[in-house]
């Protein structure tokens, strides 16, 4: 089974920066997600990037941002045989935040997934910005790791994110800047990771709230602020996303997949799948095979 969740150790790997060349690396990149932000700069070729089910075409010179917790994948465009692109992954918690600035970029990034904000900038839209040099600088700093390299990386990352923030503001789609009480942030990330690792079990909101040592009402209220959906919706969404991956990359039948991802009733699984994905599991598999 292909797992959607990609674990990255935030302590040993607060930043990752490298170049992908499809002549040497495995491709396509199947659907997955992580708590990190991921940035791409397309050096050569054209790719189709999928973000939460929406496909976007990124040509040479484009910059792509995958928000935390977004399900995303990368594939070559039909008319392209090779691509090269820069990759930067980083934990938003490592970014400094200016208390006097109206933009709390760390909070914005965590709320970006449900905002509808632009996550792809075309070469034309960034022609006035030196994006290429910023990506080059980050990759070099991550490789050499000279004194104060993390400060240098953070500085360049903030410039890249600042360009995105200006585009979001211009489009009138500035993501929500609201957050939850800081004492809950770590607990909720741990609970989300617990759900992602135990989605196949019978999870209840009551038990998860108890794990955070808070009441059901407090847990539910702050969970929704943190993730933009209820805990029950998050559990269902996690299961459906994993089921989608299994439909694409396995030959298991629908009833077996429903059981594997934690649904005891196949009919309920199909209803949930159609509600979230707009299609039935069988239609999803048929479409993935024809694609």
Protein backbone atom coordinates (compact mmCIF):
# COMPACT_ATOMS: atom_id res chain seq x y z
CA UNK A 1 0.00 0.00 0.00
CA UNK A 2 1.27 3.49 -0.84
CA UNK A 3 1.01 5.75 2.18
CA UNK A 4 0.03 9.37 1.57
CA UNK A 5 1.79 10.75 4.63
CA UNK A 6 5.47 11.67 4.21
CA UNK A 7 7.35 12.00 7.49
CA UNK A 8 10.21 14.46 7.79
CA UNK A 9 12.07 14.88 11.08
CA UNK A 10 11.73 18.58 12.01
CA UNK A 11 14.73 18.39 14.33
CA UNK A 12 17.34 16.77 12.10
CA UNK A 13 15.91 18.15 8.84
CA UNK A 14 14.37 21.60 9.41
CA UNK A 15 15.24 22.40 5.78
CA UNK A 16 15.69 20.30 2.67
CA UNK A 17 16.89 21.81 -0.61
CA UNK A 18 17.96 19.94 -3.73
CA UNK A 19 17.52 19.61 -7.50
CA UNK A 20 15.40 16.88 -9.12
CA UNK A 21 16.30 15.60 -12.59
CA UNK A 22 13.87 13.03 -14.00
CA UNK A 23 16.67 11.43 -16.01
CA UNK A 24 18.04 10.16 -12.68
CA UNK A 25 15.15 10.34 -10.20
CA UNK A 26 12.02 8.23 -9.97
CA UNK A 27 9.00 9.89 -11.54
CA UNK A 28 6.11 10.72 -11.32
CA UNK A 29 5.84 11.80 -7.68
CA UNK A 30 2.66 10.11 -6.36
CA UNK A 31 0.11 11.89 -4.20
CA UNK A 32 1.39 12.55 -0.68
CA UNK A 33 1.32 15.19 2.04
CA UNK A 34 3.37 16.46 4.96
CA UNK A 35 3.42 19.18 7.59
CA UNK A 36 6.17 21.01 5.73
CA UNK A 37 5.80 23.68 3.07
CA UNK A 38 7.26 22.61 -0.27
CA UNK A 39 8.44 25.01 -2.98
CA UNK A 40 9.38 24.18 -6.57
CA UNK A 41 11.17 26.23 -9.21
CA UNK A 42 10.84 24.63 -12.65
CA UNK A 43 14.24 24.80 -14.33
CA UNK A 44 13.42 22.81 -17.46
CA UNK A 45 10.35 21.19 -19.02
CA UNK A 46 6.68 21.33 -18.12
CA UNK A 47 4.95 19.46 -15.29
CA UNK A 48 1.40 18.93 -14.11
CA UNK A 49 1.14 19.52 -10.38
CA UNK A 50 -1.90 18.31 -8.47
CA UNK A 51 -2.97 20.12 -5.31
CA UNK A 52 -5.94 18.62 -3.47
CA UNK A 53 -7.34 17.20 -6.69
CA UNK A 54 -6.84 20.33 -8.84
CA UNK A 55 -4.31 20.05 -11.68
CA UNK A 56 -2.11 23.02 -12.61
CA UNK A 57 0.43 23.21 -15.41
CA UNK A 58 3.83 24.63 -14.45
CA UNK A 59 6.20 25.57 -17.26
CA UNK A 60 9.88 26.51 -17.15
CA UNK A 61 10.39 29.45 -14.79
CA UNK A 62 7.23 28.81 -12.76
CA UNK A 63 7.23 28.66 -8.96
CA UNK A 64 4.89 26.28 -7.10
CA UNK A 65 3.99 26.30 -3.40
CA UNK A 66 2.49 23.20 -1.76
CA UNK A 67 0.84 24.26 1.54
CA UNK A 68 1.17 22.20 4.72
CA UNK A 69 -1.22 19.24 4.79
CA UNK A 70 -2.17 19.60 1.11
CA UNK A 71 -2.30 16.35 -0.88
CA UNK A 72 -0.08 16.93 -3.88
CA UNK A 73 1.74 15.11 -6.68
CA UNK A 74 3.91 15.90 -9.70
CA UNK A 75 3.89 14.40 -13.18
CA UNK A 76 5.34 15.24 -16.58
CA UNK A 77 3.05 17.08 -18.98
CA UNK A 78 2.02 14.88 -21.91
CA UNK A 79 4.23 16.76 -24.36
CA UNK A 80 7.30 16.71 -22.07
CA UNK A 81 9.87 13.90 -21.70
CA UNK A 82 12.15 15.41 -19.06
CA UNK A 83 12.09 18.00 -16.31
CA UNK A 84 14.49 19.51 -13.82
CA UNK A 85 13.36 21.56 -10.85
CA UNK A 86 14.56 22.94 -7.53
CA UNK A 87 12.88 21.64 -4.38
CA UNK A 88 12.81 23.39 -1.02
CA UNK A 89 11.02 21.94 2.01
CA UNK A 90 10.87 23.71 5.34
CA UNK A 91 9.02 23.80 8.63
CA UNK A 92 7.03 27.08 8.91
CA UNK A 93 7.71 27.06 12.65
CA UNK A 94 11.34 27.93 11.88
CA UNK A 95 10.39 31.19 10.20
CA UNK A 96 10.71 34.38 12.24
CA UNK A 97 7.58 36.45 12.68
CA UNK A 98 7.45 40.24 12.95
CA UNK A 99 5.03 41.35 15.64
CA UNK A 100 4.71 44.81 14.08
CA UNK A 101 3.91 43.42 10.63
CA UNK A 102 0.32 42.85 9.57
CA UNK A 103 1.27 39.49 8.04
CA UNK A 104 1.92 36.50 10.29
CA UNK A 105 3.34 34.28 7.55
CA UNK A 106 3.51 31.17 9.73
CA UNK A 107 -0.20 31.31 10.52
CA UNK A 108 -1.07 32.17 6.92
CA UNK A 109 0.81 29.12 5.63
CA UNK A 110 -1.03 26.81 8.03
CA UNK A 111 -4.39 28.21 6.88
CA UNK A 112 -3.47 28.36 3.20
CA UNK A 113 -4.81 24.94 2.23
CA UNK A 114 -8.47 26.00 2.51
CA UNK A 115 -8.12 29.63 1.39
CA UNK A 116 -8.24 29.28 -2.40
CA UNK A 117 -5.12 31.44 -2.73
CA UNK A 118 -2.79 31.10 -5.73
CA UNK A 119 -0.13 28.41 -5.27
CA UNK A 120 1.50 28.71 -8.71
CA UNK A 121 3.21 31.80 -10.10
CA UNK A 122 3.92 31.90 -13.83
CA UNK A 123 7.22 33.16 -15.29
CA UNK A 124 5.43 36.29 -16.53
CA UNK A 125 4.10 37.14 -13.07
CA UNK A 126 7.51 36.82 -11.42
CA UNK A 127 9.66 38.34 -14.15
CA UNK A 128 10.41 41.39 -11.95
CA UNK A 129 11.55 39.21 -9.02
CA UNK A 130 14.84 37.33 -8.74
CA UNK A 131 13.27 34.02 -7.81
CA UNK A 132 15.94 31.91 -9.50
CA UNK A 133 18.76 33.46 -7.50
CA UNK A 134 16.83 32.99 -4.24
CA UNK A 135 16.36 29.27 -4.91
CA UNK A 136 20.02 28.92 -5.89
CA UNK A 137 21.12 30.67 -2.71
CA UNK A 138 18.96 28.45 -0.48
CA UNK A 139 20.22 25.24 -2.11
CA UNK A 140 23.83 26.39 -1.80
CA UNK A 141 23.43 27.39 1.85
CA UNK A 142 21.80 24.06 2.66
CA UNK A 143 24.65 22.18 0.99
CA UNK A 144 27.56 24.11 2.52
CA UNK A 145 25.96 24.74 5.92
CA UNK A 146 28.36 27.52 6.74
CA UNK A 147 28.02 29.55 9.94
CA UNK A 148 24.52 31.15 10.26
CA UNK A 149 23.26 29.24 7.22
CA UNK A 150 19.78 28.86 8.75
CA UNK A 151 19.49 32.65 9.04
CA UNK A 152 20.47 33.04 5.39
CA UNK A 153 17.93 30.41 4.32
CA UNK A 154 15.17 31.99 6.41
CA UNK A 155 15.91 35.39 4.88
CA UNK A 156 15.62 34.09 1.32
CA UNK A 157 12.52 32.05 2.16
CA UNK A 158 10.78 35.11 3.58
CA UNK A 159 11.44 36.98 0.33
CA UNK A 160 9.88 34.18 -1.73
CA UNK A 161 6.89 33.98 0.60
CA UNK A 162 6.60 37.76 0.60
CA UNK A 163 6.14 37.70 -3.19
CA UNK A 164 3.39 35.13 -2.81
CA UNK A 165 1.74 37.22 -0.04
CA UNK A 166 1.69 40.28 -2.30
CA UNK A 167 0.00 38.32 -5.06
CA UNK A 168 -2.57 36.95 -2.60
CA UNK A 169 -3.26 40.48 -1.38
CA UNK A 170 -3.61 41.81 -4.94
CA UNK A 171 -6.07 39.03 -5.78
CA UNK A 172 -8.12 39.76 -2.68
CA UNK A 173 -7.52 36.21 -1.50
CA UNK A 174 -5.31 36.89 1.49
CA UNK A 175 -5.58 33.73 3.61
CA UNK A 176 -6.98 33.81 7.10
CA UNK A 177 -4.57 35.14 9.70
CA UNK A 178 -6.45 33.67 12.67
CA UNK A 179 -4.93 31.05 14.88
CA UNK A 180 -5.65 29.15 18.07
CA UNK A 181 -4.18 29.58 21.51
CA UNK A 182 -0.44 28.72 21.22
CA UNK A 183 -0.67 26.14 24.02
CA UNK A 184 -2.83 23.98 21.74
CA UNK A 185 -0.68 24.17 18.59
CA UNK A 186 1.74 21.35 19.40
CA UNK A 187 -1.01 19.12 20.80
CA UNK A 188 -3.09 19.48 17.66
CA UNK A 189 -0.17 18.72 15.36
CA UNK A 190 0.55 15.62 17.45
CA UNK A 191 -3.13 14.62 17.32
CA UNK A 192 -3.21 15.15 13.54
CA UNK A 193 -0.14 12.93 13.18
CA UNK A 194 -1.80 10.35 15.45
CA UNK A 195 -4.89 10.36 13.21
CA UNK A 196 -2.71 10.03 10.10
CA UNK A 197 -0.99 6.99 11.64
CA UNK A 198 -4.13 5.36 13.13
CA UNK A 199 -6.80 6.26 10.55
CA UNK A 200 -7.72 2.56 10.21
CA UNK A 201 -8.73 2.34 13.86
CA UNK A 202 -12.06 3.35 15.43
CA UNK A 203 -11.18 6.92 16.36
CA UNK A 204 -13.52 9.07 18.45
CA UNK A 205 -13.39 12.80 19.14
CA UNK A 206 -13.92 12.10 22.84
CA UNK A 207 -10.79 9.93 23.07
CA UNK A 208 -8.69 12.37 21.05
CA UNK A 209 -9.79 15.25 23.28
CA UNK A 210 -8.79 13.21 26.32
CA UNK A 211 -5.34 12.71 24.79
CA UNK A 212 -4.98 16.52 24.76
CA UNK A 213 -6.29 16.78 28.34
CA UNK A 214 -9.06 19.19 27.35
CA UNK A 215 -12.83 19.00 27.24
CA UNK A 216 -14.70 17.81 24.16
CA UNK A 217 -16.07 21.33 23.55
CA UNK A 218 -12.67 23.04 23.90
CA UNK A 219 -10.97 20.43 21.71
CA UNK A 220 -13.62 20.65 18.98
CA UNK A 221 -13.65 24.46 18.93
CA UNK A 222 -9.89 24.85 18.72
CA UNK A 223 -9.39 21.93 16.34
CA UNK A 224 -11.69 23.64 13.84
CA UNK A 225 -9.81 26.92 14.24
CA UNK A 226 -6.52 25.11 13.68
CA UNK A 227 -7.47 23.00 10.65
CA UNK A 228 -10.53 24.72 9.21
CA UNK A 229 -12.71 21.62 9.69
CA UNK A 230 -14.09 19.55 12.54
CA UNK A 231 -12.08 16.65 13.94
CA UNK A 232 -14.62 14.17 12.53
CA UNK A 233 -14.33 15.80 9.09
CA UNK A 234 -10.52 15.61 9.35
CA UNK A 235 -10.65 11.90 10.14
CA UNK A 236 -13.00 11.24 7.23
CA UNK A 237 -10.93 13.38 4.87
CA UNK A 238 -7.75 11.54 5.87
CA UNK A 239 -9.36 8.17 5.24
CA UNK A 240 -10.81 9.24 1.89
CA UNK A 241 -7.47 10.66 0.69
CA UNK A 242 -5.71 7.41 1.57
CA UNK A 243 -8.49 5.45 -0.15
CA UNK A 244 -8.00 7.58 -3.27
CA UNK A 245 -4.32 6.72 -3.28
CA UNK A 246 -5.13 3.01 -2.97
CA UNK A 247 -7.61 3.25 -5.85
CA UNK A 248 -4.88 4.75 -8.03
CA UNK A 249 -1.98 2.52 -7.00
CA UNK A 250 -3.46 -0.87 -6.04
CA UNK A 251 -5.83 -3.49 -7.40
CA UNK A 252 -7.81 -3.96 -4.19
CA UNK A 253 -11.58 -3.88 -4.55
CA UNK A 254 -13.70 -1.11 -3.06
CA UNK A 255 -14.98 -3.16 -0.13
CA UNK A 256 -11.46 -4.13 0.92
CA UNK A 257 -10.22 -0.53 0.65
CA UNK A 258 -13.16 0.69 2.74
CA UNK A 259 -12.19 -1.73 5.52
CA UNK A 260 -8.49 -0.89 5.25
CA UNK A 261 -9.03 2.85 5.78
CA UNK A 262 -11.36 2.44 8.74
CA UNK A 263 -14.90 2.24 7.33
CA UNK A 264 -16.98 -0.66 8.61
CA UNK A 265 -19.77 0.05 6.11
CA UNK A 266 -18.91 0.06 2.38
CA UNK A 267 -22.07 2.00 1.47
CA UNK A 268 -21.19 4.75 3.93
CA UNK A 269 -17.65 4.80 2.54
CA UNK A 270 -18.99 5.30 -0.99
CA UNK A 271 -21.28 8.14 0.16
CA UNK A 272 -18.42 9.87 1.96
CA UNK A 273 -16.11 9.42 -1.02
CA UNK A 274 -18.63 10.93 -3.43
CA UNK A 275 -19.33 13.83 -1.09
CA UNK A 276 -15.64 14.75 -0.79
CA UNK A 277 -14.37 13.83 -4.27
CA UNK A 278 -17.49 14.37 -6.40
CA UNK A 279 -17.26 10.88 -7.86
CA UNK A 280 -17.63 7.28 -6.70
CA UNK A 281 -14.64 5.04 -5.90
CA UNK A 282 -15.31 2.89 -8.98
CA UNK A 283 -15.49 5.97 -11.21
CA UNK A 284 -12.27 7.24 -9.65
CA UNK A 285 -10.43 4.02 -10.42
CA UNK A 286 -11.77 3.92 -13.98
CA UNK A 287 -10.68 7.52 -14.58
CA UNK A 288 -7.19 6.87 -13.18
CA UNK A 289 -6.73 3.84 -15.42
CA UNK A 290 -7.87 5.70 -18.55
CA UNK A 291 -5.58 8.64 -17.64
